[in-house]
N, C-alpha and C. Protein backbone atom coordinates (compact mmCIF):
# COMPACT_ATOMS: atom_id res chain seq x y z
N UNK A 1 142.02 128.84 86.77
CA UNK A 1 141.65 128.30 88.09
C UNK A 1 140.23 127.99 88.27
N UNK A 2 139.36 128.80 87.57
CA UNK A 2 137.81 128.80 87.71
C UNK A 2 137.52 127.64 87.14
N UNK A 3 138.06 127.30 85.85
CA UNK A 3 137.75 125.90 85.06
C UNK A 3 138.16 124.85 85.93
N UNK A 4 139.28 124.53 86.42
CA UNK A 4 139.72 123.51 87.40
C UNK A 4 138.79 123.37 88.64
N UNK A 5 138.35 124.56 89.40
CA UNK A 5 137.39 124.28 90.31
C UNK A 5 136.02 123.66 89.87
N UNK A 6 135.64 124.14 88.62
CA UNK A 6 134.22 123.71 87.98
C UNK A 6 134.57 122.12 87.53
N UNK A 7 135.73 121.86 87.13
CA UNK A 7 135.87 120.42 86.80
C UNK A 7 135.90 119.51 88.23
N UNK A 8 136.67 120.06 89.02
CA UNK A 8 136.67 119.24 90.31
C UNK A 8 135.17 119.14 90.82
N UNK A 9 134.58 120.18 90.85
CA UNK A 9 132.97 120.08 91.19
C UNK A 9 132.12 119.09 90.59
N UNK A 10 132.42 119.04 89.36
CA UNK A 10 131.82 118.26 88.37
C UNK A 10 132.07 116.78 88.68
N UNK A 11 133.55 116.55 88.79
CA UNK A 11 133.91 115.17 89.11
C UNK A 11 133.36 114.57 90.47
N UNK A 12 133.30 115.62 91.55
CA UNK A 12 132.92 115.37 92.68
C UNK A 12 131.33 115.03 92.70
N UNK A 13 130.54 115.99 91.95
CA UNK A 13 129.21 115.57 91.91
C UNK A 13 128.77 114.25 90.99
N UNK A 14 129.49 113.97 90.21
CA UNK A 14 129.63 112.62 89.43
C UNK A 14 129.73 111.44 90.34
N UNK A 15 130.73 111.45 91.19
CA UNK A 15 131.08 110.57 92.11
C UNK A 15 129.94 110.41 93.20
N UNK A 16 129.43 111.38 93.70
CA UNK A 16 128.24 111.36 94.47
C UNK A 16 127.05 110.60 93.73
N UNK A 17 126.79 111.02 92.64
CA UNK A 17 125.87 110.16 91.89
C UNK A 17 126.10 108.67 91.55
N UNK A 18 127.22 108.52 91.42
CA UNK A 18 127.53 107.02 91.39
C UNK A 18 127.54 106.31 92.59
N UNK A 19 127.89 106.71 93.74
CA UNK A 19 127.87 106.18 94.98
C UNK A 19 126.36 106.22 95.58
N UNK A 20 125.68 107.16 95.11
CA UNK A 20 124.14 107.21 95.50
C UNK A 20 123.26 106.43 94.77
N UNK A 21 123.96 105.83 93.81
CA UNK A 21 122.98 105.07 92.90
C UNK A 21 122.86 103.50 93.09
N UNK A 22 123.00 103.36 94.38
CA UNK A 22 122.88 101.82 94.83
C UNK A 22 121.90 101.10 94.54
N UNK A 23 121.91 99.64 94.17
CA UNK A 23 120.76 99.09 93.84
C UNK A 23 119.80 98.80 95.19
N UNK A 24 118.79 98.92 95.21
CA UNK A 24 117.79 98.79 96.30
C UNK A 24 116.64 97.46 96.07
N UNK A 25 116.73 96.80 96.77
CA UNK A 25 115.76 95.41 96.59
C UNK A 25 114.50 95.72 97.61
N UNK A 26 113.59 95.50 96.79
CA UNK A 26 112.17 95.59 97.76
C UNK A 26 112.14 94.20 98.39
N UNK A 27 111.88 94.39 99.77
CA UNK A 27 112.01 93.22 100.48
C UNK A 27 110.66 92.84 101.24
N UNK A 28 109.78 93.74 101.22
CA UNK A 28 108.22 93.73 101.83
C UNK A 28 107.52 94.73 101.50
N UNK A 29 105.93 94.19 101.54
CA UNK A 29 105.04 95.33 101.37
C UNK A 29 104.23 95.47 102.73
N UNK A 30 103.95 96.62 102.88
CA UNK A 30 102.94 97.01 104.08
C UNK A 30 101.76 97.51 103.23
N UNK A 31 100.57 97.04 103.97
CA UNK A 31 99.15 97.63 103.81
C UNK A 31 98.36 97.66 104.98
N UNK A 32 97.41 98.79 104.85
CA UNK A 32 96.39 98.85 105.88
C UNK A 32 95.13 99.48 105.35
N UNK A 33 94.33 99.42 106.19
CA UNK A 33 92.85 99.66 105.73
C UNK A 33 92.45 100.98 106.56
N UNK A 34 91.79 101.82 105.80
CA UNK A 34 91.14 103.00 106.35
C UNK A 34 92.27 103.86 107.12
N UNK A 35 92.04 104.31 108.25
CA UNK A 35 93.24 105.09 108.74
C UNK A 35 93.81 104.37 109.87
N UNK A 36 93.87 103.08 109.82
CA UNK A 36 94.45 102.04 110.92
C UNK A 36 95.89 101.68 110.22
N UNK A 37 96.78 102.64 110.47
CA UNK A 37 98.17 102.43 110.46
C UNK A 37 98.84 101.59 111.41
N UNK A 38 98.52 101.75 112.58
CA UNK A 38 99.03 100.78 113.59
C UNK A 38 98.55 99.50 113.43
N UNK A 39 97.56 99.24 112.63
CA UNK A 39 97.31 97.82 112.39
C UNK A 39 97.71 97.27 110.93
N UNK A 40 98.67 97.97 110.61
CA UNK A 40 99.22 97.43 108.97
C UNK A 40 99.59 95.84 109.30
N UNK A 41 99.46 95.31 108.00
CA UNK A 41 100.29 94.09 107.76
C UNK A 41 101.29 94.21 106.79
N UNK A 42 102.17 93.03 107.10
CA UNK A 42 103.25 92.89 106.24
C UNK A 42 103.55 91.58 105.64
N UNK A 43 103.81 91.94 104.26
CA UNK A 43 104.01 90.70 103.61
C UNK A 43 105.65 90.76 103.09
N UNK A 44 106.27 89.49 103.52
CA UNK A 44 107.65 89.46 103.46
C UNK A 44 107.83 88.68 101.90
N UNK A 45 109.01 89.15 101.56
CA UNK A 45 109.67 88.41 100.28
C UNK A 45 108.44 88.42 99.03
N UNK A 46 108.26 89.72 98.52
CA UNK A 46 107.08 89.71 97.64
C UNK A 46 107.70 89.50 96.26
N UNK A 47 106.81 89.05 95.42
CA UNK A 47 107.20 88.75 93.90
C UNK A 47 106.80 90.06 93.25
N UNK A 48 106.53 89.82 91.79
CA UNK A 48 105.95 91.05 90.97
C UNK A 48 104.48 91.33 91.05
N UNK A 49 103.90 90.44 91.86
CA UNK A 49 102.33 90.77 91.79
C UNK A 49 101.86 90.08 93.24
N UNK A 50 101.20 91.02 93.98
CA UNK A 50 100.55 90.67 95.41
C UNK A 50 99.26 90.82 95.26
N UNK A 51 98.32 89.76 95.78
CA UNK A 51 96.94 89.80 95.86
C UNK A 51 96.55 89.82 97.06
N UNK A 52 95.81 90.76 97.45
CA UNK A 52 95.29 90.72 98.99
C UNK A 52 93.90 90.70 99.03
N UNK A 53 93.29 90.35 97.80
CA UNK A 53 91.77 90.20 97.83
C UNK A 53 91.20 89.43 98.99
N UNK A 54 92.02 88.39 99.25
CA UNK A 54 91.50 87.31 100.43
C UNK A 54 91.93 87.89 101.82
N UNK A 55 92.35 88.93 101.91
CA UNK A 55 92.94 89.27 103.32
C UNK A 55 92.23 90.48 103.83
N UNK A 56 90.93 90.54 103.39
CA UNK A 56 90.14 91.83 104.06
C UNK A 56 89.82 91.31 105.82
N UNK A 57 89.99 92.27 106.49
CA UNK A 57 89.68 91.92 108.03
C UNK A 57 88.16 91.64 108.11
N UNK A 58 87.71 90.58 108.80
CA UNK A 58 86.18 90.09 109.14
C UNK A 58 85.52 91.40 109.72
N UNK A 59 86.39 92.33 110.48
CA UNK A 59 85.68 93.54 111.10
C UNK A 59 85.17 94.51 110.15
N UNK A 60 85.73 94.58 108.96
CA UNK A 60 85.47 95.65 108.06
C UNK A 60 84.17 95.87 107.66
N UNK A 61 83.45 96.93 107.99
CA UNK A 61 82.04 97.12 107.71
C UNK A 61 81.80 97.33 106.09
N UNK A 62 80.48 97.16 105.75
CA UNK A 62 79.97 97.42 104.63
C UNK A 62 80.04 98.84 104.24
N UNK A 63 80.57 99.15 103.05
CA UNK A 63 80.68 100.65 102.67
C UNK A 63 81.95 100.97 101.98
N UNK A 64 82.31 102.24 101.95
CA UNK A 64 83.36 102.73 101.41
C UNK A 64 84.65 102.84 102.29
N UNK A 65 85.89 102.24 101.62
CA UNK A 65 86.90 102.04 102.61
C UNK A 65 88.11 102.51 101.57
N UNK A 66 89.22 102.42 102.34
CA UNK A 66 90.57 102.60 101.67
C UNK A 66 91.73 101.80 101.83
N UNK A 67 92.36 101.21 100.96
CA UNK A 67 93.48 100.46 101.47
C UNK A 67 94.61 101.27 100.88
N UNK A 68 95.72 101.27 101.82
CA UNK A 68 96.91 102.00 101.52
C UNK A 68 98.04 100.75 101.50
N UNK A 69 98.96 101.17 100.63
CA UNK A 69 100.23 100.19 100.30
C UNK A 69 101.56 101.15 100.47
N UNK A 70 102.62 100.52 100.98
CA UNK A 70 103.78 100.87 100.64
C UNK A 70 104.88 99.94 100.62
N UNK A 71 105.96 99.91 99.81
CA UNK A 71 106.99 98.75 99.64
C UNK A 71 108.27 99.52 100.54
N UNK A 72 108.90 98.36 101.24
CA UNK A 72 110.01 98.55 101.94
C UNK A 72 111.31 97.77 101.26
N UNK A 73 112.40 98.62 101.40
CA UNK A 73 113.56 97.86 100.83
C UNK A 73 114.34 97.07 102.06
N UNK A 74 115.43 96.57 101.72
CA UNK A 74 116.18 95.96 102.61
C UNK A 74 117.22 96.84 103.35
N UNK A 75 117.03 98.22 103.08
CA UNK A 75 117.70 99.20 103.80
C UNK A 75 117.11 99.88 104.77
N UNK A 76 115.66 99.62 104.91
CA UNK A 76 114.50 100.23 105.92
C UNK A 76 113.88 101.29 105.30
N UNK A 77 114.03 101.58 104.07
CA UNK A 77 113.48 102.75 103.23
C UNK A 77 112.26 102.47 102.87
N UNK A 78 111.22 103.34 102.82
CA UNK A 78 109.95 102.81 102.21
C UNK A 78 109.56 103.89 101.00
N UNK A 79 108.80 103.49 100.15
CA UNK A 79 108.22 104.02 99.06
C UNK A 79 107.17 105.01 99.46
N UNK A 80 106.58 105.86 98.68
CA UNK A 80 105.42 106.78 99.16
C UNK A 80 104.26 105.89 99.26
N UNK A 81 103.18 106.20 99.68
CA UNK A 81 102.08 105.55 100.15
C UNK A 81 101.06 105.56 98.99
N UNK A 82 100.64 104.50 98.55
CA UNK A 82 99.74 104.44 97.57
C UNK A 82 98.36 103.94 98.07
N UNK A 83 97.37 105.03 97.88
CA UNK A 83 95.90 104.51 98.35
C UNK A 83 94.83 104.23 97.34
N UNK A 84 93.94 103.30 97.62
CA UNK A 84 93.13 103.17 96.52
C UNK A 84 91.79 102.94 97.45
N UNK A 85 90.60 103.64 96.82
CA UNK A 85 89.31 103.48 97.44
C UNK A 85 88.59 102.27 96.98
N UNK A 86 87.74 101.59 97.73
CA UNK A 86 87.12 100.48 97.45
C UNK A 86 85.58 100.34 98.02
N UNK A 87 84.73 99.65 97.72
CA UNK A 87 83.47 99.62 98.15
C UNK A 87 83.00 98.16 98.52
N UNK A 88 82.79 97.92 99.72
CA UNK A 88 82.81 96.57 100.35
C UNK A 88 80.96 96.45 100.22
N UNK A 89 80.54 95.62 99.38
CA UNK A 89 79.04 95.33 99.44
C UNK A 89 78.57 94.46 100.57
N UNK A 90 77.33 94.42 100.94
CA UNK A 90 76.90 93.53 102.00
C UNK A 90 76.65 92.25 101.61
N UNK A 91 76.84 91.48 102.58
CA UNK A 91 76.61 89.93 102.20
C UNK A 91 75.43 89.64 101.34
N UNK A 92 74.43 90.37 101.72
CA UNK A 92 72.96 90.07 101.08
C UNK A 92 73.07 90.68 99.62
N UNK A 93 74.31 91.21 99.08
CA UNK A 93 74.29 91.59 97.68
C UNK A 93 74.77 90.69 96.60
N UNK A 94 74.78 89.38 97.27
CA UNK A 94 75.04 88.27 96.14
C UNK A 94 74.27 88.27 94.87
N UNK A 95 74.87 88.12 93.85
CA UNK A 95 74.03 88.00 92.51
C UNK A 95 74.10 89.40 91.73
N UNK A 96 74.43 90.42 92.43
CA UNK A 96 74.62 91.69 92.01
C UNK A 96 75.74 91.84 90.95
N UNK A 97 75.75 92.39 89.73
CA UNK A 97 76.69 92.68 89.03
C UNK A 97 76.99 94.02 88.68
N UNK A 98 78.18 94.38 88.53
CA UNK A 98 78.57 95.63 87.93
C UNK A 98 78.12 95.68 86.23
N UNK A 99 77.49 96.72 85.87
CA UNK A 99 76.99 96.75 84.63
C UNK A 99 77.60 98.02 83.68
N UNK A 100 78.00 98.88 84.51
CA UNK A 100 78.68 100.17 83.82
C UNK A 100 79.38 100.77 84.80
N UNK A 101 80.33 101.73 84.20
CA UNK A 101 81.25 102.43 85.31
C UNK A 101 81.64 103.89 84.51
N UNK A 102 81.95 104.62 85.39
CA UNK A 102 82.39 106.11 84.81
C UNK A 102 83.67 106.30 85.54
N UNK A 103 84.57 107.01 84.81
CA UNK A 103 85.77 107.72 85.36
C UNK A 103 86.18 109.00 84.73
N UNK A 104 86.91 109.80 85.50
CA UNK A 104 87.38 111.13 85.04
C UNK A 104 88.72 111.37 85.83
N UNK A 105 89.48 112.15 85.33
CA UNK A 105 90.77 112.62 85.97
C UNK A 105 90.83 113.74 86.52
N UNK A 106 91.42 113.87 87.57
CA UNK A 106 91.32 115.10 88.61
C UNK A 106 89.93 115.54 88.88
N UNK A 107 89.51 116.70 88.60
CA UNK A 107 88.39 117.71 88.66
C UNK A 107 87.64 117.60 87.38
N UNK A 108 88.04 116.99 86.21
CA UNK A 108 87.54 117.19 85.12
C UNK A 108 86.10 116.43 84.86
N UNK A 109 85.14 116.53 85.62
CA UNK A 109 84.08 115.68 85.55
C UNK A 109 83.15 115.80 84.34
N UNK A 110 83.31 116.91 83.70
CA UNK A 110 82.77 117.12 82.22
C UNK A 110 83.25 116.30 81.12
N UNK A 111 84.49 115.93 81.60
CA UNK A 111 85.23 114.99 80.38
C UNK A 111 85.12 113.32 80.96
N UNK A 112 84.28 113.17 81.62
CA UNK A 112 84.15 111.79 82.08
C UNK A 112 83.80 110.88 81.25
N UNK A 113 84.39 109.53 81.17
CA UNK A 113 84.04 108.51 80.19
C UNK A 113 83.28 107.70 80.93
N UNK A 114 82.11 107.13 80.20
CA UNK A 114 81.19 106.06 80.46
C UNK A 114 81.18 104.80 79.77
N UNK A 115 81.17 103.56 80.42
CA UNK A 115 81.42 102.52 79.59
C UNK A 115 80.58 101.27 80.07
N UNK A 116 80.12 100.23 79.51
CA UNK A 116 79.75 99.20 80.19
C UNK A 116 80.76 98.16 80.52
N UNK A 117 80.07 97.61 81.56
CA UNK A 117 81.07 96.30 82.13
C UNK A 117 80.44 95.08 81.81
N UNK A 118 81.34 94.31 81.33
CA UNK A 118 80.99 92.76 81.01
C UNK A 118 81.75 91.76 81.95
N UNK A 119 81.10 90.86 82.50
CA UNK A 119 81.92 89.79 83.28
C UNK A 119 82.09 90.22 84.69
N UNK A 120 82.85 89.39 85.32
CA UNK A 120 82.96 89.85 86.94
C UNK A 120 84.30 90.62 87.15
N UNK A 121 85.22 90.65 86.32
CA UNK A 121 86.49 91.27 86.49
C UNK A 121 86.50 92.12 85.33
N UNK A 122 87.07 93.38 85.16
CA UNK A 122 87.42 94.18 84.09
C UNK A 122 88.31 95.12 84.92
N UNK A 123 89.45 95.67 83.78
CA UNK A 123 90.44 96.36 84.16
C UNK A 123 90.37 97.88 83.37
N UNK A 124 90.28 98.74 84.36
CA UNK A 124 90.22 100.22 84.01
C UNK A 124 91.56 100.74 83.53
N UNK A 125 92.64 99.87 83.83
CA UNK A 125 93.88 100.42 83.37
C UNK A 125 94.11 100.57 81.85
N UNK A 126 93.30 99.39 81.39
CA UNK A 126 93.47 99.33 79.79
C UNK A 126 92.70 100.87 79.24
N UNK A 127 91.53 101.22 79.81
CA UNK A 127 91.02 102.16 79.37
C UNK A 127 91.65 103.49 79.41
N UNK A 128 92.39 103.45 80.70
CA UNK A 128 93.35 104.94 80.83
C UNK A 128 94.34 105.08 79.79
């Protein structure tokens, strides 16, 4: 009797897994700056890559800021929020180039990695 109950429970659990594993389609992306969630923007029908570098609000002051992202599916569910810090240089800073960078993981500052940067665009993801 106990084996039959265990088998039924297993079959029920597998059924729930199959029913719950429906395909979700990402339909839009939301992003906002700093803590201005109520001023978030939405991009419909996104592809595999979305560039928002030309979408900075004109009212954004110089200095350190955060951009926050989340993806929404066609069922109204959202992904966890991903946040990224960036620094907006003043307009008078034209001609300045990043020549070096440092990064570390979590609070392990003593194991930081320093490297020189060449060109206008460089990808840290390759270093990580």
